[in-house]
Amino acid sequence: MKEIKRDFYLNQLIKKDGNGQIKVITGIRRCGKSYLLRKLFYKYLLKNNDKNHIIYIPLDIKENEPLLDGNKFLDYVKSLIKDDKKYYLLIDEIQKMEDFVPVLNTFLYEDNIEVYVTGSNSKFLSSDVITEFRGRGDEIHVYPLSFSEYMSAFDGDKYEGYEQYSIYGGLPYILSFETNNERSDYLKKLFEETYIKDIIERNNITNKEELNELLNIISSSIGSLTNPYNLQNTFKSKKNIVLSDKTISKYLDYFEDAFLINKAERYDVKGKKYINSPYKYYFEDLGLRNARLNFRQIDKGHIMENIIYNELLRRGYNVDVGVVEINQSNEKGTRLKPQYEVDFVCNQGSKRIYIQSAYEIYNSEKEEQERKSLNNIGDSFKKIIITGDVSKPRIDDKGIITMGIYYFLLNEDSLDLN
């Protein structure tokens, strides 16, 4: 398999060198965190540093079990520090250490040690962890392969690559398989033996059937509005199972903590406020989502929407689902307030972009439908429609940009067009 380019994350690690903080690399299991740290970043460091000043410690291998004791770990690292020159301490799977925060905080007092760590689960990722690093923890979240990263190692053209990517997702190891059976078997086993098992054990879950059923429902409804109350009714009416909305909410939090899914909240564009409910859920890796459904529901429109959402997150946008309310009257003069959806409201600092995902625009009526919400927003921020074809960007007389999915995904600056 070709070396996968992950320059987007590698450059982040490089830029954060010397910032006086602990660099915390997070992400779903098997997304390539260890590969980034052990192979790509280590290789970069070797070009400019003595090998003896780069300390790599994977805590998930048998021979390093004694180092799971914090005191022994500190003694071991200190024994390797021989001078005042800069050392790089790279620690893989830090969550294996029971009480790792005070251990890592110890290195904050050392001027010549740069610390980079990886971790996978919610114990490591709880919102308190960065705070516990005394304000000196810097998180780099790694996603499964973007389509551009995927194509850097894919042996084929972009059309074949996108077809495979949309079905089997972007977990890096997928690229090592030659057949679809191998890919699907890998994903199904990984889901059951790693992700589900991890969630159940970590959270002491006893209602395994309900948890699995909820995961099936969420997998079937990516890009659809829902909330715990609606899901409670679904369980009762279709499954004849009584499961409270509070329990459902808790289970959804577990899925988010494990990085299986992400929640997009609803935002009233004109009212400039969040709507508490409902939400949309998207999978961080579509291969896992499709494996969960035994590759039965491959809706190309919703799949593309999920791919766009993930790419926007990777590029550093905060992404919401937009609602545009329009004041109008019917033939009888009755005032109406129909609501139209904007698939994604993307914010990055003072920058905002509105995006519609439209896999097919097969006639003028469909085109007008996709444009209606954008045309009624009423502000001057950039508005983009992404289609499922190979078209290059074009702009209409109202300033709306239309571009194909391949252009959007394969050009890092595709959203910077004017």
Protein backbone atom coordinates (compact mmCIF):
# COMPACT_ATOMS: atom_id res chain seq x y z
CA MET A 1 0.00 0.00 0.00
CA LYS A 2 1.25 3.50 -0.86
CA GLU A 3 2.09 5.92 1.94
CA ILE A 4 -1.03 7.93 2.79
CA LYS A 5 -0.48 11.67 2.81
CA ARG A 6 -1.76 13.29 5.99
CA ASP A 7 -0.05 16.63 5.55
CA PHE A 8 -3.05 18.51 6.99
CA TYR A 9 -2.42 17.00 10.45
CA LEU A 10 1.36 16.71 10.11
CA ASN A 11 1.60 20.45 9.51
CA GLN A 12 -0.49 21.10 12.62
CA LEU A 13 1.90 19.03 14.72
CA ILE A 14 4.87 20.85 13.24
CA LYS A 15 3.37 24.30 13.84
CA LYS A 16 2.60 23.49 17.48
CA ASP A 17 6.21 22.60 18.25
CA GLY A 18 7.46 24.93 20.98
CA ASN A 19 4.06 26.26 22.07
CA GLY A 20 4.59 25.18 25.69
CA GLN A 21 1.55 22.89 25.66
CA ILE A 22 0.89 19.16 25.62
CA LYS A 23 -0.19 18.23 22.11
CA VAL A 24 -3.20 15.92 22.45
CA ILE A 25 -4.07 13.89 19.33
CA THR A 26 -7.63 12.53 19.49
CA GLY A 27 -9.90 10.60 17.14
CA ILE A 28 -11.93 7.47 16.53
CA ARG A 29 -10.13 4.15 16.86
CA ARG A 30 -8.27 3.06 13.71
CA CYS A 31 -8.40 6.52 12.11
CA GLY A 32 -4.61 6.73 11.84
CA LYS A 33 -3.50 8.60 14.98
CA SER A 34 -0.65 6.19 15.72
CA TYR A 35 0.44 6.18 12.08
CA LEU A 36 0.54 9.97 12.14
CA LEU A 37 2.62 10.05 15.32
CA ARG A 38 4.84 6.99 14.87
CA LYS A 39 5.49 7.13 11.13
CA LEU A 40 4.86 10.55 9.65
CA PHE A 41 5.77 12.86 12.54
CA TYR A 42 8.63 10.65 13.73
CA LYS A 43 10.03 10.61 10.17
CA TYR A 44 9.83 14.40 10.05
CA LEU A 45 11.57 14.78 13.40
CA LEU A 46 14.44 12.50 12.32
CA LYS A 47 15.36 14.93 9.55
CA ASN A 48 16.29 17.64 12.05
CA ASN A 49 17.01 15.86 15.33
CA ASP A 50 19.27 13.24 16.83
CA LYS A 51 17.40 9.92 17.13
CA ASN A 52 18.28 9.74 20.83
CA HIS A 53 16.29 12.92 21.40
CA ILE A 54 13.07 11.38 20.08
CA ILE A 55 11.38 9.12 22.64
CA TYR A 56 8.48 7.04 21.31
CA ILE A 57 6.48 4.99 23.86
CA PRO A 58 3.45 2.93 22.77
CA LEU A 59 1.48 2.00 25.90
CA ASP A 60 -0.67 -0.63 24.20
CA ILE A 61 2.05 -3.28 23.82
CA LYS A 62 2.91 -6.00 26.33
CA GLU A 63 6.52 -5.01 26.97
CA ASN A 64 5.47 -1.54 28.13
CA GLU A 65 2.90 -2.71 30.70
CA PRO A 66 5.19 -1.72 33.63
CA LEU A 67 5.13 1.85 32.32
CA LEU A 68 1.38 2.08 32.95
CA ASP A 69 2.43 2.91 36.50
CA GLY A 70 2.89 6.68 36.46
CA ASN A 71 5.93 6.74 38.74
CA LYS A 72 7.73 4.06 36.74
CA PHE A 73 6.88 5.92 33.54
CA LEU A 74 8.39 9.16 34.88
CA ASP A 75 11.53 7.37 36.08
CA TYR A 76 11.93 5.71 32.68
CA VAL A 77 11.58 8.94 30.72
CA LYS A 78 13.94 10.82 33.05
CA SER A 79 16.56 8.09 32.55
CA LEU A 80 16.55 8.86 28.83
CA ILE A 81 17.08 12.62 29.25
CA LYS A 82 20.86 13.01 29.06
CA ASP A 83 21.36 16.72 28.34
CA ASP A 84 19.65 20.11 28.07
CA LYS A 85 18.88 19.85 24.36
CA LYS A 86 15.26 19.54 23.21
CA TYR A 87 13.62 16.11 23.50
CA TYR A 88 10.42 14.95 21.81
CA LEU A 89 8.27 12.59 23.88
CA LEU A 90 5.70 10.75 21.73
CA ILE A 91 3.22 8.63 23.73
CA ASP A 92 0.71 6.34 22.03
CA GLU A 93 -2.61 5.35 23.72
CA ILE A 94 -2.03 7.39 26.88
CA GLN A 95 -5.47 6.45 28.24
CA LYS A 96 -4.03 3.03 29.10
CA MET A 97 -2.34 4.74 32.04
CA GLU A 98 -4.80 4.97 34.93
CA ASP A 99 -3.91 8.46 36.18
CA PHE A 100 -2.13 10.08 33.26
CA VAL A 101 -3.04 13.76 33.76
CA PRO A 102 -0.67 14.50 36.67
CA VAL A 103 2.05 12.50 34.91
CA LEU A 104 1.76 14.62 31.78
CA ASN A 105 1.46 17.81 33.81
CA THR A 106 4.87 17.01 35.27
CA PHE A 107 6.43 17.61 31.86
CA LEU A 108 4.95 21.10 31.68
CA TYR A 109 7.70 22.16 34.09
CA GLU A 110 10.47 20.85 31.84
CA ASP A 111 11.72 23.44 29.34
CA ASN A 112 13.40 20.96 27.00
CA ILE A 113 10.61 18.38 26.49
CA GLU A 114 7.90 18.60 23.82
CA VAL A 115 5.06 16.16 24.56
CA TYR A 116 2.72 14.64 21.96
CA VAL A 117 0.14 12.02 23.00
CA THR A 118 -2.67 10.03 21.38
CA GLY A 119 -5.87 8.66 22.90
CA SER A 120 -9.11 7.18 21.67
CA ASN A 121 -11.94 6.98 24.14
CA SER A 122 -14.20 9.19 26.22
CA LYS A 123 -12.18 8.60 29.36
CA PHE A 124 -9.41 10.40 27.55
CA LEU A 125 -11.64 12.83 25.71
CA SER A 126 -13.86 14.08 28.46
CA SER A 127 -14.20 17.85 28.24
CA ASP A 128 -12.34 18.13 31.54
CA VAL A 129 -9.09 16.62 30.25
CA ILE A 130 -7.77 19.68 28.44
CA THR A 131 -8.73 21.79 31.47
CA GLU A 132 -6.84 19.42 33.76
CA PHE A 133 -3.69 20.15 31.80
CA ARG A 134 -3.85 23.53 33.56
CA GLY A 135 -4.85 25.31 30.40
CA ARG A 136 -1.84 23.94 28.57
CA GLY A 137 -3.38 21.13 26.55
CA ASP A 138 -3.70 21.63 22.78
CA GLU A 139 -6.05 19.22 20.96
CA ILE A 140 -5.59 18.03 17.37
CA HIS A 141 -8.60 15.96 16.31
CA VAL A 142 -7.84 13.43 13.57
CA TYR A 143 -10.70 12.27 11.33
CA PRO A 144 -10.77 9.19 9.10
CA LEU A 145 -9.24 9.85 5.69
CA SER A 146 -10.67 12.71 3.70
CA PHE A 147 -11.36 11.88 0.06
CA SER A 148 -8.21 13.77 -0.95
CA GLU A 149 -6.10 11.76 1.51
CA TYR A 150 -7.80 8.57 0.36
CA MET A 151 -6.95 9.28 -3.27
CA SER A 152 -3.29 9.88 -2.37
CA ALA A 153 -2.97 6.12 -1.85
CA PHE A 154 -5.81 4.77 -4.02
CA ASP A 155 -4.83 2.87 -7.14
CA GLY A 156 -7.50 4.09 -9.57
CA ASP A 157 -9.31 7.17 -10.86
CA LYS A 158 -11.39 9.58 -8.76
CA TYR A 159 -14.72 8.11 -9.91
CA GLU A 160 -13.84 4.59 -8.84
CA GLY A 161 -12.24 6.02 -5.70
CA TYR A 162 -15.34 8.00 -4.72
CA GLU A 163 -17.58 4.98 -5.28
CA GLN A 164 -15.43 2.85 -2.98
CA TYR A 165 -14.92 5.67 -0.45
CA SER A 166 -18.67 6.33 -0.17
CA ILE A 167 -19.35 2.67 0.60
CA TYR A 168 -16.35 1.55 2.68
CA GLY A 169 -15.34 4.84 4.25
CA GLY A 170 -11.99 6.31 5.16
CA LEU A 171 -10.42 4.14 7.86
CA PRO A 172 -6.86 3.88 6.47
CA TYR A 173 -6.56 0.08 6.67
CA ILE A 174 -9.41 -0.23 4.14
CA LEU A 175 -6.90 0.69 1.42
CA SER A 176 -4.89 -2.47 2.09
CA PHE A 177 -7.68 -4.82 0.97
CA GLU A 178 -8.15 -6.02 -2.59
CA THR A 179 -11.77 -7.24 -2.49
CA ASN A 180 -15.08 -5.85 -1.31
CA ASN A 181 -15.65 -8.94 0.84
CA GLU A 182 -12.42 -8.25 2.71
CA ARG A 183 -13.41 -4.63 3.24
CA SER A 184 -16.91 -5.42 4.46
CA ASP A 185 -15.73 -8.22 6.78
CA TYR A 186 -13.10 -5.95 8.31
CA LEU A 187 -15.61 -3.17 9.01
CA LYS A 188 -18.29 -5.45 10.45
CA LYS A 189 -15.84 -7.20 12.78
CA LEU A 190 -14.28 -3.90 13.80
CA PHE A 191 -17.68 -2.46 14.66
CA GLU A 192 -18.74 -5.40 16.83
CA GLU A 193 -15.43 -6.37 18.40
CA THR A 194 -14.01 -2.92 19.01
CA TYR A 195 -16.47 -0.02 18.95
CA ILE A 196 -19.61 -1.64 20.40
CA LYS A 197 -17.67 -3.73 22.89
CA ASP A 198 -15.74 -0.65 23.97
CA ILE A 199 -18.90 1.43 24.50
CA ILE A 200 -20.66 -1.33 26.46
CA GLU A 201 -17.70 -2.07 28.73
CA ARG A 202 -16.73 1.55 29.33
CA ASN A 203 -20.24 2.63 30.29
CA ASN A 204 -21.36 -0.57 32.07
CA ILE A 205 -24.38 -0.99 29.78
CA THR A 206 -26.76 -3.86 30.52
CA ASN A 207 -29.46 -3.12 27.89
CA LYS A 208 -27.31 -4.22 24.97
CA GLU A 209 -30.26 -4.97 22.66
CA GLU A 210 -31.72 -1.49 23.07
CA LEU A 211 -28.33 0.13 22.53
CA ASN A 212 -27.80 -1.84 19.33
CA GLU A 213 -31.32 -1.09 18.11
CA LEU A 214 -30.80 2.63 18.66
CA LEU A 215 -27.58 2.44 16.68
CA ASN A 216 -29.46 0.74 13.83
CA ILE A 217 -32.09 3.50 13.81
CA ILE A 218 -29.48 6.28 13.78
CA SER A 219 -27.56 4.48 11.02
CA SER A 220 -30.72 4.33 8.91
CA SER A 221 -31.52 8.01 9.32
CA ILE A 222 -28.34 10.01 8.65
CA GLY A 223 -29.27 13.50 7.58
CA SER A 224 -32.80 13.21 9.00
CA LEU A 225 -34.14 15.40 11.79
CA THR A 226 -34.75 13.59 15.06
CA ASN A 227 -34.45 13.88 18.84
CA PRO A 228 -34.61 11.56 21.87
CA TYR A 229 -38.37 12.07 22.26
CA ASN A 230 -39.06 11.09 18.64
CA LEU A 231 -36.76 8.11 18.99
CA GLN A 232 -38.62 7.07 22.14
CA ASN A 233 -41.85 7.01 20.13
CA THR A 234 -40.16 5.03 17.37
CA PHE A 235 -39.09 2.37 19.86
CA LYS A 236 -42.59 2.18 21.26
CA SER A 237 -44.56 2.12 17.98
CA LYS A 238 -42.26 0.09 15.73
CA LYS A 239 -40.25 -2.05 18.12
CA ASN A 240 -42.74 -2.36 20.99
CA ILE A 241 -39.91 -1.40 23.35
CA VAL A 242 -40.21 1.09 26.18
CA LEU A 243 -37.02 3.13 26.33
CA SER A 244 -37.07 6.57 27.93
CA ASP A 245 -35.88 9.67 26.12
CA LYS A 246 -33.34 10.21 28.92
CA THR A 247 -31.80 6.79 28.33
CA ILE A 248 -31.77 7.40 24.59
CA SER A 249 -30.07 10.75 25.11
CA LYS A 250 -27.46 9.08 27.29
CA TYR A 251 -26.79 6.38 24.68
CA LEU A 252 -26.43 9.01 21.95
CA ASP A 253 -23.85 10.76 24.12
CA TYR A 254 -21.94 7.48 24.36
CA PHE A 255 -21.88 7.20 20.56
CA GLU A 256 -20.60 10.76 20.29
CA ASP A 257 -17.95 10.17 22.96
CA ALA A 258 -16.70 7.19 20.96
CA PHE A 259 -16.60 9.39 17.82
CA LEU A 260 -19.03 7.17 15.97
CA ILE A 261 -21.46 10.02 15.31
CA ASN A 262 -21.57 13.80 15.40
CA LYS A 263 -24.61 15.95 16.12
CA ALA A 264 -25.53 18.98 13.99
CA GLU A 265 -27.79 21.42 15.80
CA ARG A 266 -30.53 23.48 14.13
CA TYR A 267 -29.98 27.20 13.66
CA ASP A 268 -32.61 29.81 12.77
CA VAL A 269 -30.70 31.88 10.20
CA LYS A 270 -32.96 34.94 10.22
CA GLY A 271 -33.77 34.79 13.92
CA LYS A 272 -30.06 34.26 14.68
CA LYS A 273 -30.73 31.69 17.39
CA TYR A 274 -30.44 27.96 17.98
CA ILE A 275 -33.51 25.73 17.96
CA ASN A 276 -33.23 23.24 20.79
CA SER A 277 -34.60 20.30 18.84
CA PRO A 278 -34.61 18.30 16.58
CA TYR A 279 -31.06 17.57 15.39
CA LYS A 280 -29.29 15.69 12.63
CA TYR A 281 -26.72 12.97 13.22
CA TYR A 282 -23.90 12.05 10.86
CA PHE A 283 -21.37 9.23 11.04
CA GLU A 284 -17.69 10.10 11.40
CA ASP A 285 -16.91 7.18 9.11
CA LEU A 286 -19.42 6.05 6.50
CA GLY A 287 -17.86 2.61 6.14
CA LEU A 288 -18.78 1.86 9.74
CA ARG A 289 -22.29 3.21 9.19
CA ASN A 290 -22.78 1.08 6.07
CA ALA A 291 -21.32 -1.99 7.78
CA ARG A 292 -23.81 -1.53 10.61
CA LEU A 293 -26.62 -1.85 8.05
CA ASN A 294 -24.90 -4.73 6.26
CA PHE A 295 -24.38 -2.41 3.26
CA ARG A 296 -28.10 -2.44 2.46
CA GLN A 297 -28.96 1.28 2.53
CA ILE A 298 -26.59 3.13 0.22
CA ASP A 299 -28.59 6.28 -0.50
CA LYS A 300 -26.18 8.33 -2.61
CA GLY A 301 -27.79 11.65 -1.69
CA HIS A 302 -27.55 11.15 2.08
CA ILE A 303 -24.12 9.57 1.74
CA MET A 304 -22.83 12.63 -0.13
CA GLU A 305 -24.38 14.92 2.49
CA ASN A 306 -22.53 13.01 5.23
CA ILE A 307 -19.25 13.21 3.27
CA ILE A 308 -19.64 16.98 2.86
CA TYR A 309 -20.40 17.39 6.57
CA ASN A 310 -17.27 15.44 7.57
CA GLU A 311 -15.10 17.43 5.17
CA LEU A 312 -16.39 20.71 6.61
CA LEU A 313 -15.55 19.57 10.15
CA ARG A 314 -12.08 18.48 9.03
CA ARG A 315 -11.48 21.91 7.51
CA GLY A 316 -12.21 23.48 10.88
CA TYR A 317 -15.75 24.78 10.45
CA ASN A 318 -18.44 24.74 13.12
CA VAL A 319 -21.37 23.24 11.25
CA ASP A 320 -25.09 23.62 11.98
CA VAL A 321 -28.28 22.78 10.11
CA GLY A 322 -29.97 25.97 8.94
CA VAL A 323 -33.64 26.96 8.93
CA VAL A 324 -34.92 29.94 6.92
CA GLU A 325 -38.42 31.18 7.75
CA ILE A 326 -40.19 33.14 5.01
CA ASN A 327 -43.10 35.55 5.56
CA GLN A 328 -45.70 35.27 2.81
CA SER A 329 -49.45 35.21 2.24
CA ASN A 330 -51.70 32.80 0.37
CA GLU A 331 -54.43 33.71 -2.11
CA LYS A 332 -56.87 34.44 0.72
CA GLY A 333 -54.46 36.81 2.40
CA THR A 334 -53.66 34.46 5.26
CA ARG A 335 -50.14 35.03 6.54
CA LEU A 336 -47.89 31.98 6.31
CA LYS A 337 -44.43 31.29 7.62
CA PRO A 338 -43.05 28.31 5.67
CA GLN A 339 -39.61 27.06 6.70
CA TYR A 340 -36.89 26.03 4.28
CA GLU A 341 -33.78 24.12 5.15
CA VAL A 342 -30.17 25.07 4.53
CA ASP A 343 -28.20 21.85 4.76
CA PHE A 344 -25.16 23.43 6.40
CA VAL A 345 -24.43 26.76 8.06
CA CYS A 346 -20.63 26.81 8.35
CA ASN A 347 -18.84 29.23 10.68
CA GLN A 348 -15.13 29.81 11.16
CA GLY A 349 -14.36 32.93 13.16
CA SER A 350 -16.05 35.83 11.34
CA LYS A 351 -16.37 33.75 8.17
CA ARG A 352 -19.71 32.16 7.25
CA ILE A 353 -20.76 29.97 4.32
CA TYR A 354 -24.17 28.47 3.52
CA ILE A 355 -24.07 25.12 1.71
CA GLN A 356 -26.72 22.99 0.02
CA SER A 357 -26.02 19.36 -0.83
CA ALA A 358 -27.86 18.32 -4.00
CA TYR A 359 -26.78 14.98 -5.43
CA GLU A 360 -28.93 15.45 -8.54
CA ILE A 361 -30.48 18.55 -10.06
CA TYR A 362 -32.51 16.90 -12.79
CA ASN A 363 -34.80 19.78 -13.83
CA SER A 364 -35.45 23.49 -13.28
CA GLU A 365 -38.01 22.78 -10.54
CA LYS A 366 -35.42 20.86 -8.52
CA GLU A 367 -32.88 23.63 -9.09
CA GLU A 368 -35.32 26.25 -7.83
CA GLN A 369 -36.05 24.11 -4.76
CA GLU A 370 -32.34 23.96 -3.87
CA ARG A 371 -31.93 27.71 -4.37
CA LYS A 372 -35.05 28.87 -2.56
CA SER A 373 -33.67 28.79 0.97
CA LEU A 374 -30.39 30.40 -0.14
CA ASN A 375 -32.17 33.16 -2.06
CA ASN A 376 -34.27 34.03 1.00
CA ILE A 377 -31.48 34.24 3.59
CA GLY A 378 -31.03 37.95 3.03
CA ASP A 379 -27.37 38.44 3.95
CA SER A 380 -24.18 38.77 1.93
CA PHE A 381 -22.32 35.67 3.11
CA LYS A 382 -21.19 33.14 0.51
CA LYS A 383 -23.76 30.60 -0.68
CA ILE A 384 -22.78 27.33 -2.38
CA ILE A 385 -24.61 24.36 -3.90
CA ILE A 386 -22.57 21.14 -4.13
CA THR A 387 -23.80 18.63 -6.71
CA GLY A 388 -22.95 14.99 -7.31
CA ASP A 389 -21.27 15.57 -10.66
CA VAL A 390 -17.89 16.69 -12.02
CA SER A 391 -18.80 20.30 -12.77
CA LYS A 392 -16.31 23.08 -12.07
CA PRO A 393 -17.44 26.12 -10.03
CA ARG A 394 -19.82 28.57 -11.67
CA ILE A 395 -21.64 31.55 -10.22
CA ASP A 396 -25.12 32.83 -11.08
CA ASP A 397 -26.45 36.40 -11.20
CA LYS A 398 -27.51 36.20 -7.53
CA GLY A 399 -24.03 35.23 -6.39
CA ILE A 400 -24.76 31.55 -5.69
CA ILE A 401 -21.82 29.27 -6.53
CA THR A 402 -22.44 25.74 -7.83
CA MET A 403 -19.65 23.15 -7.86
CA GLY A 404 -19.34 19.38 -8.21
CA ILE A 405 -18.47 17.10 -5.31
CA TYR A 406 -15.11 16.11 -6.82
CA TYR A 407 -13.97 19.71 -7.12
CA PHE A 408 -15.10 20.45 -3.56
CA LEU A 409 -13.32 17.46 -2.03
CA LEU A 410 -10.10 17.49 -4.04
CA ASN A 411 -9.33 21.21 -3.72
CA GLU A 412 -8.48 22.35 -0.22
CA ASP A 413 -9.32 25.95 -1.12
CA SER A 414 -12.60 25.13 -2.91
CA LEU A 415 -14.67 27.21 -0.47
CA ASP A 416 -12.50 30.29 -0.88
CA LEU A 417 -13.80 31.10 -4.35
CA ASN A 418 -15.50 34.45 -4.92
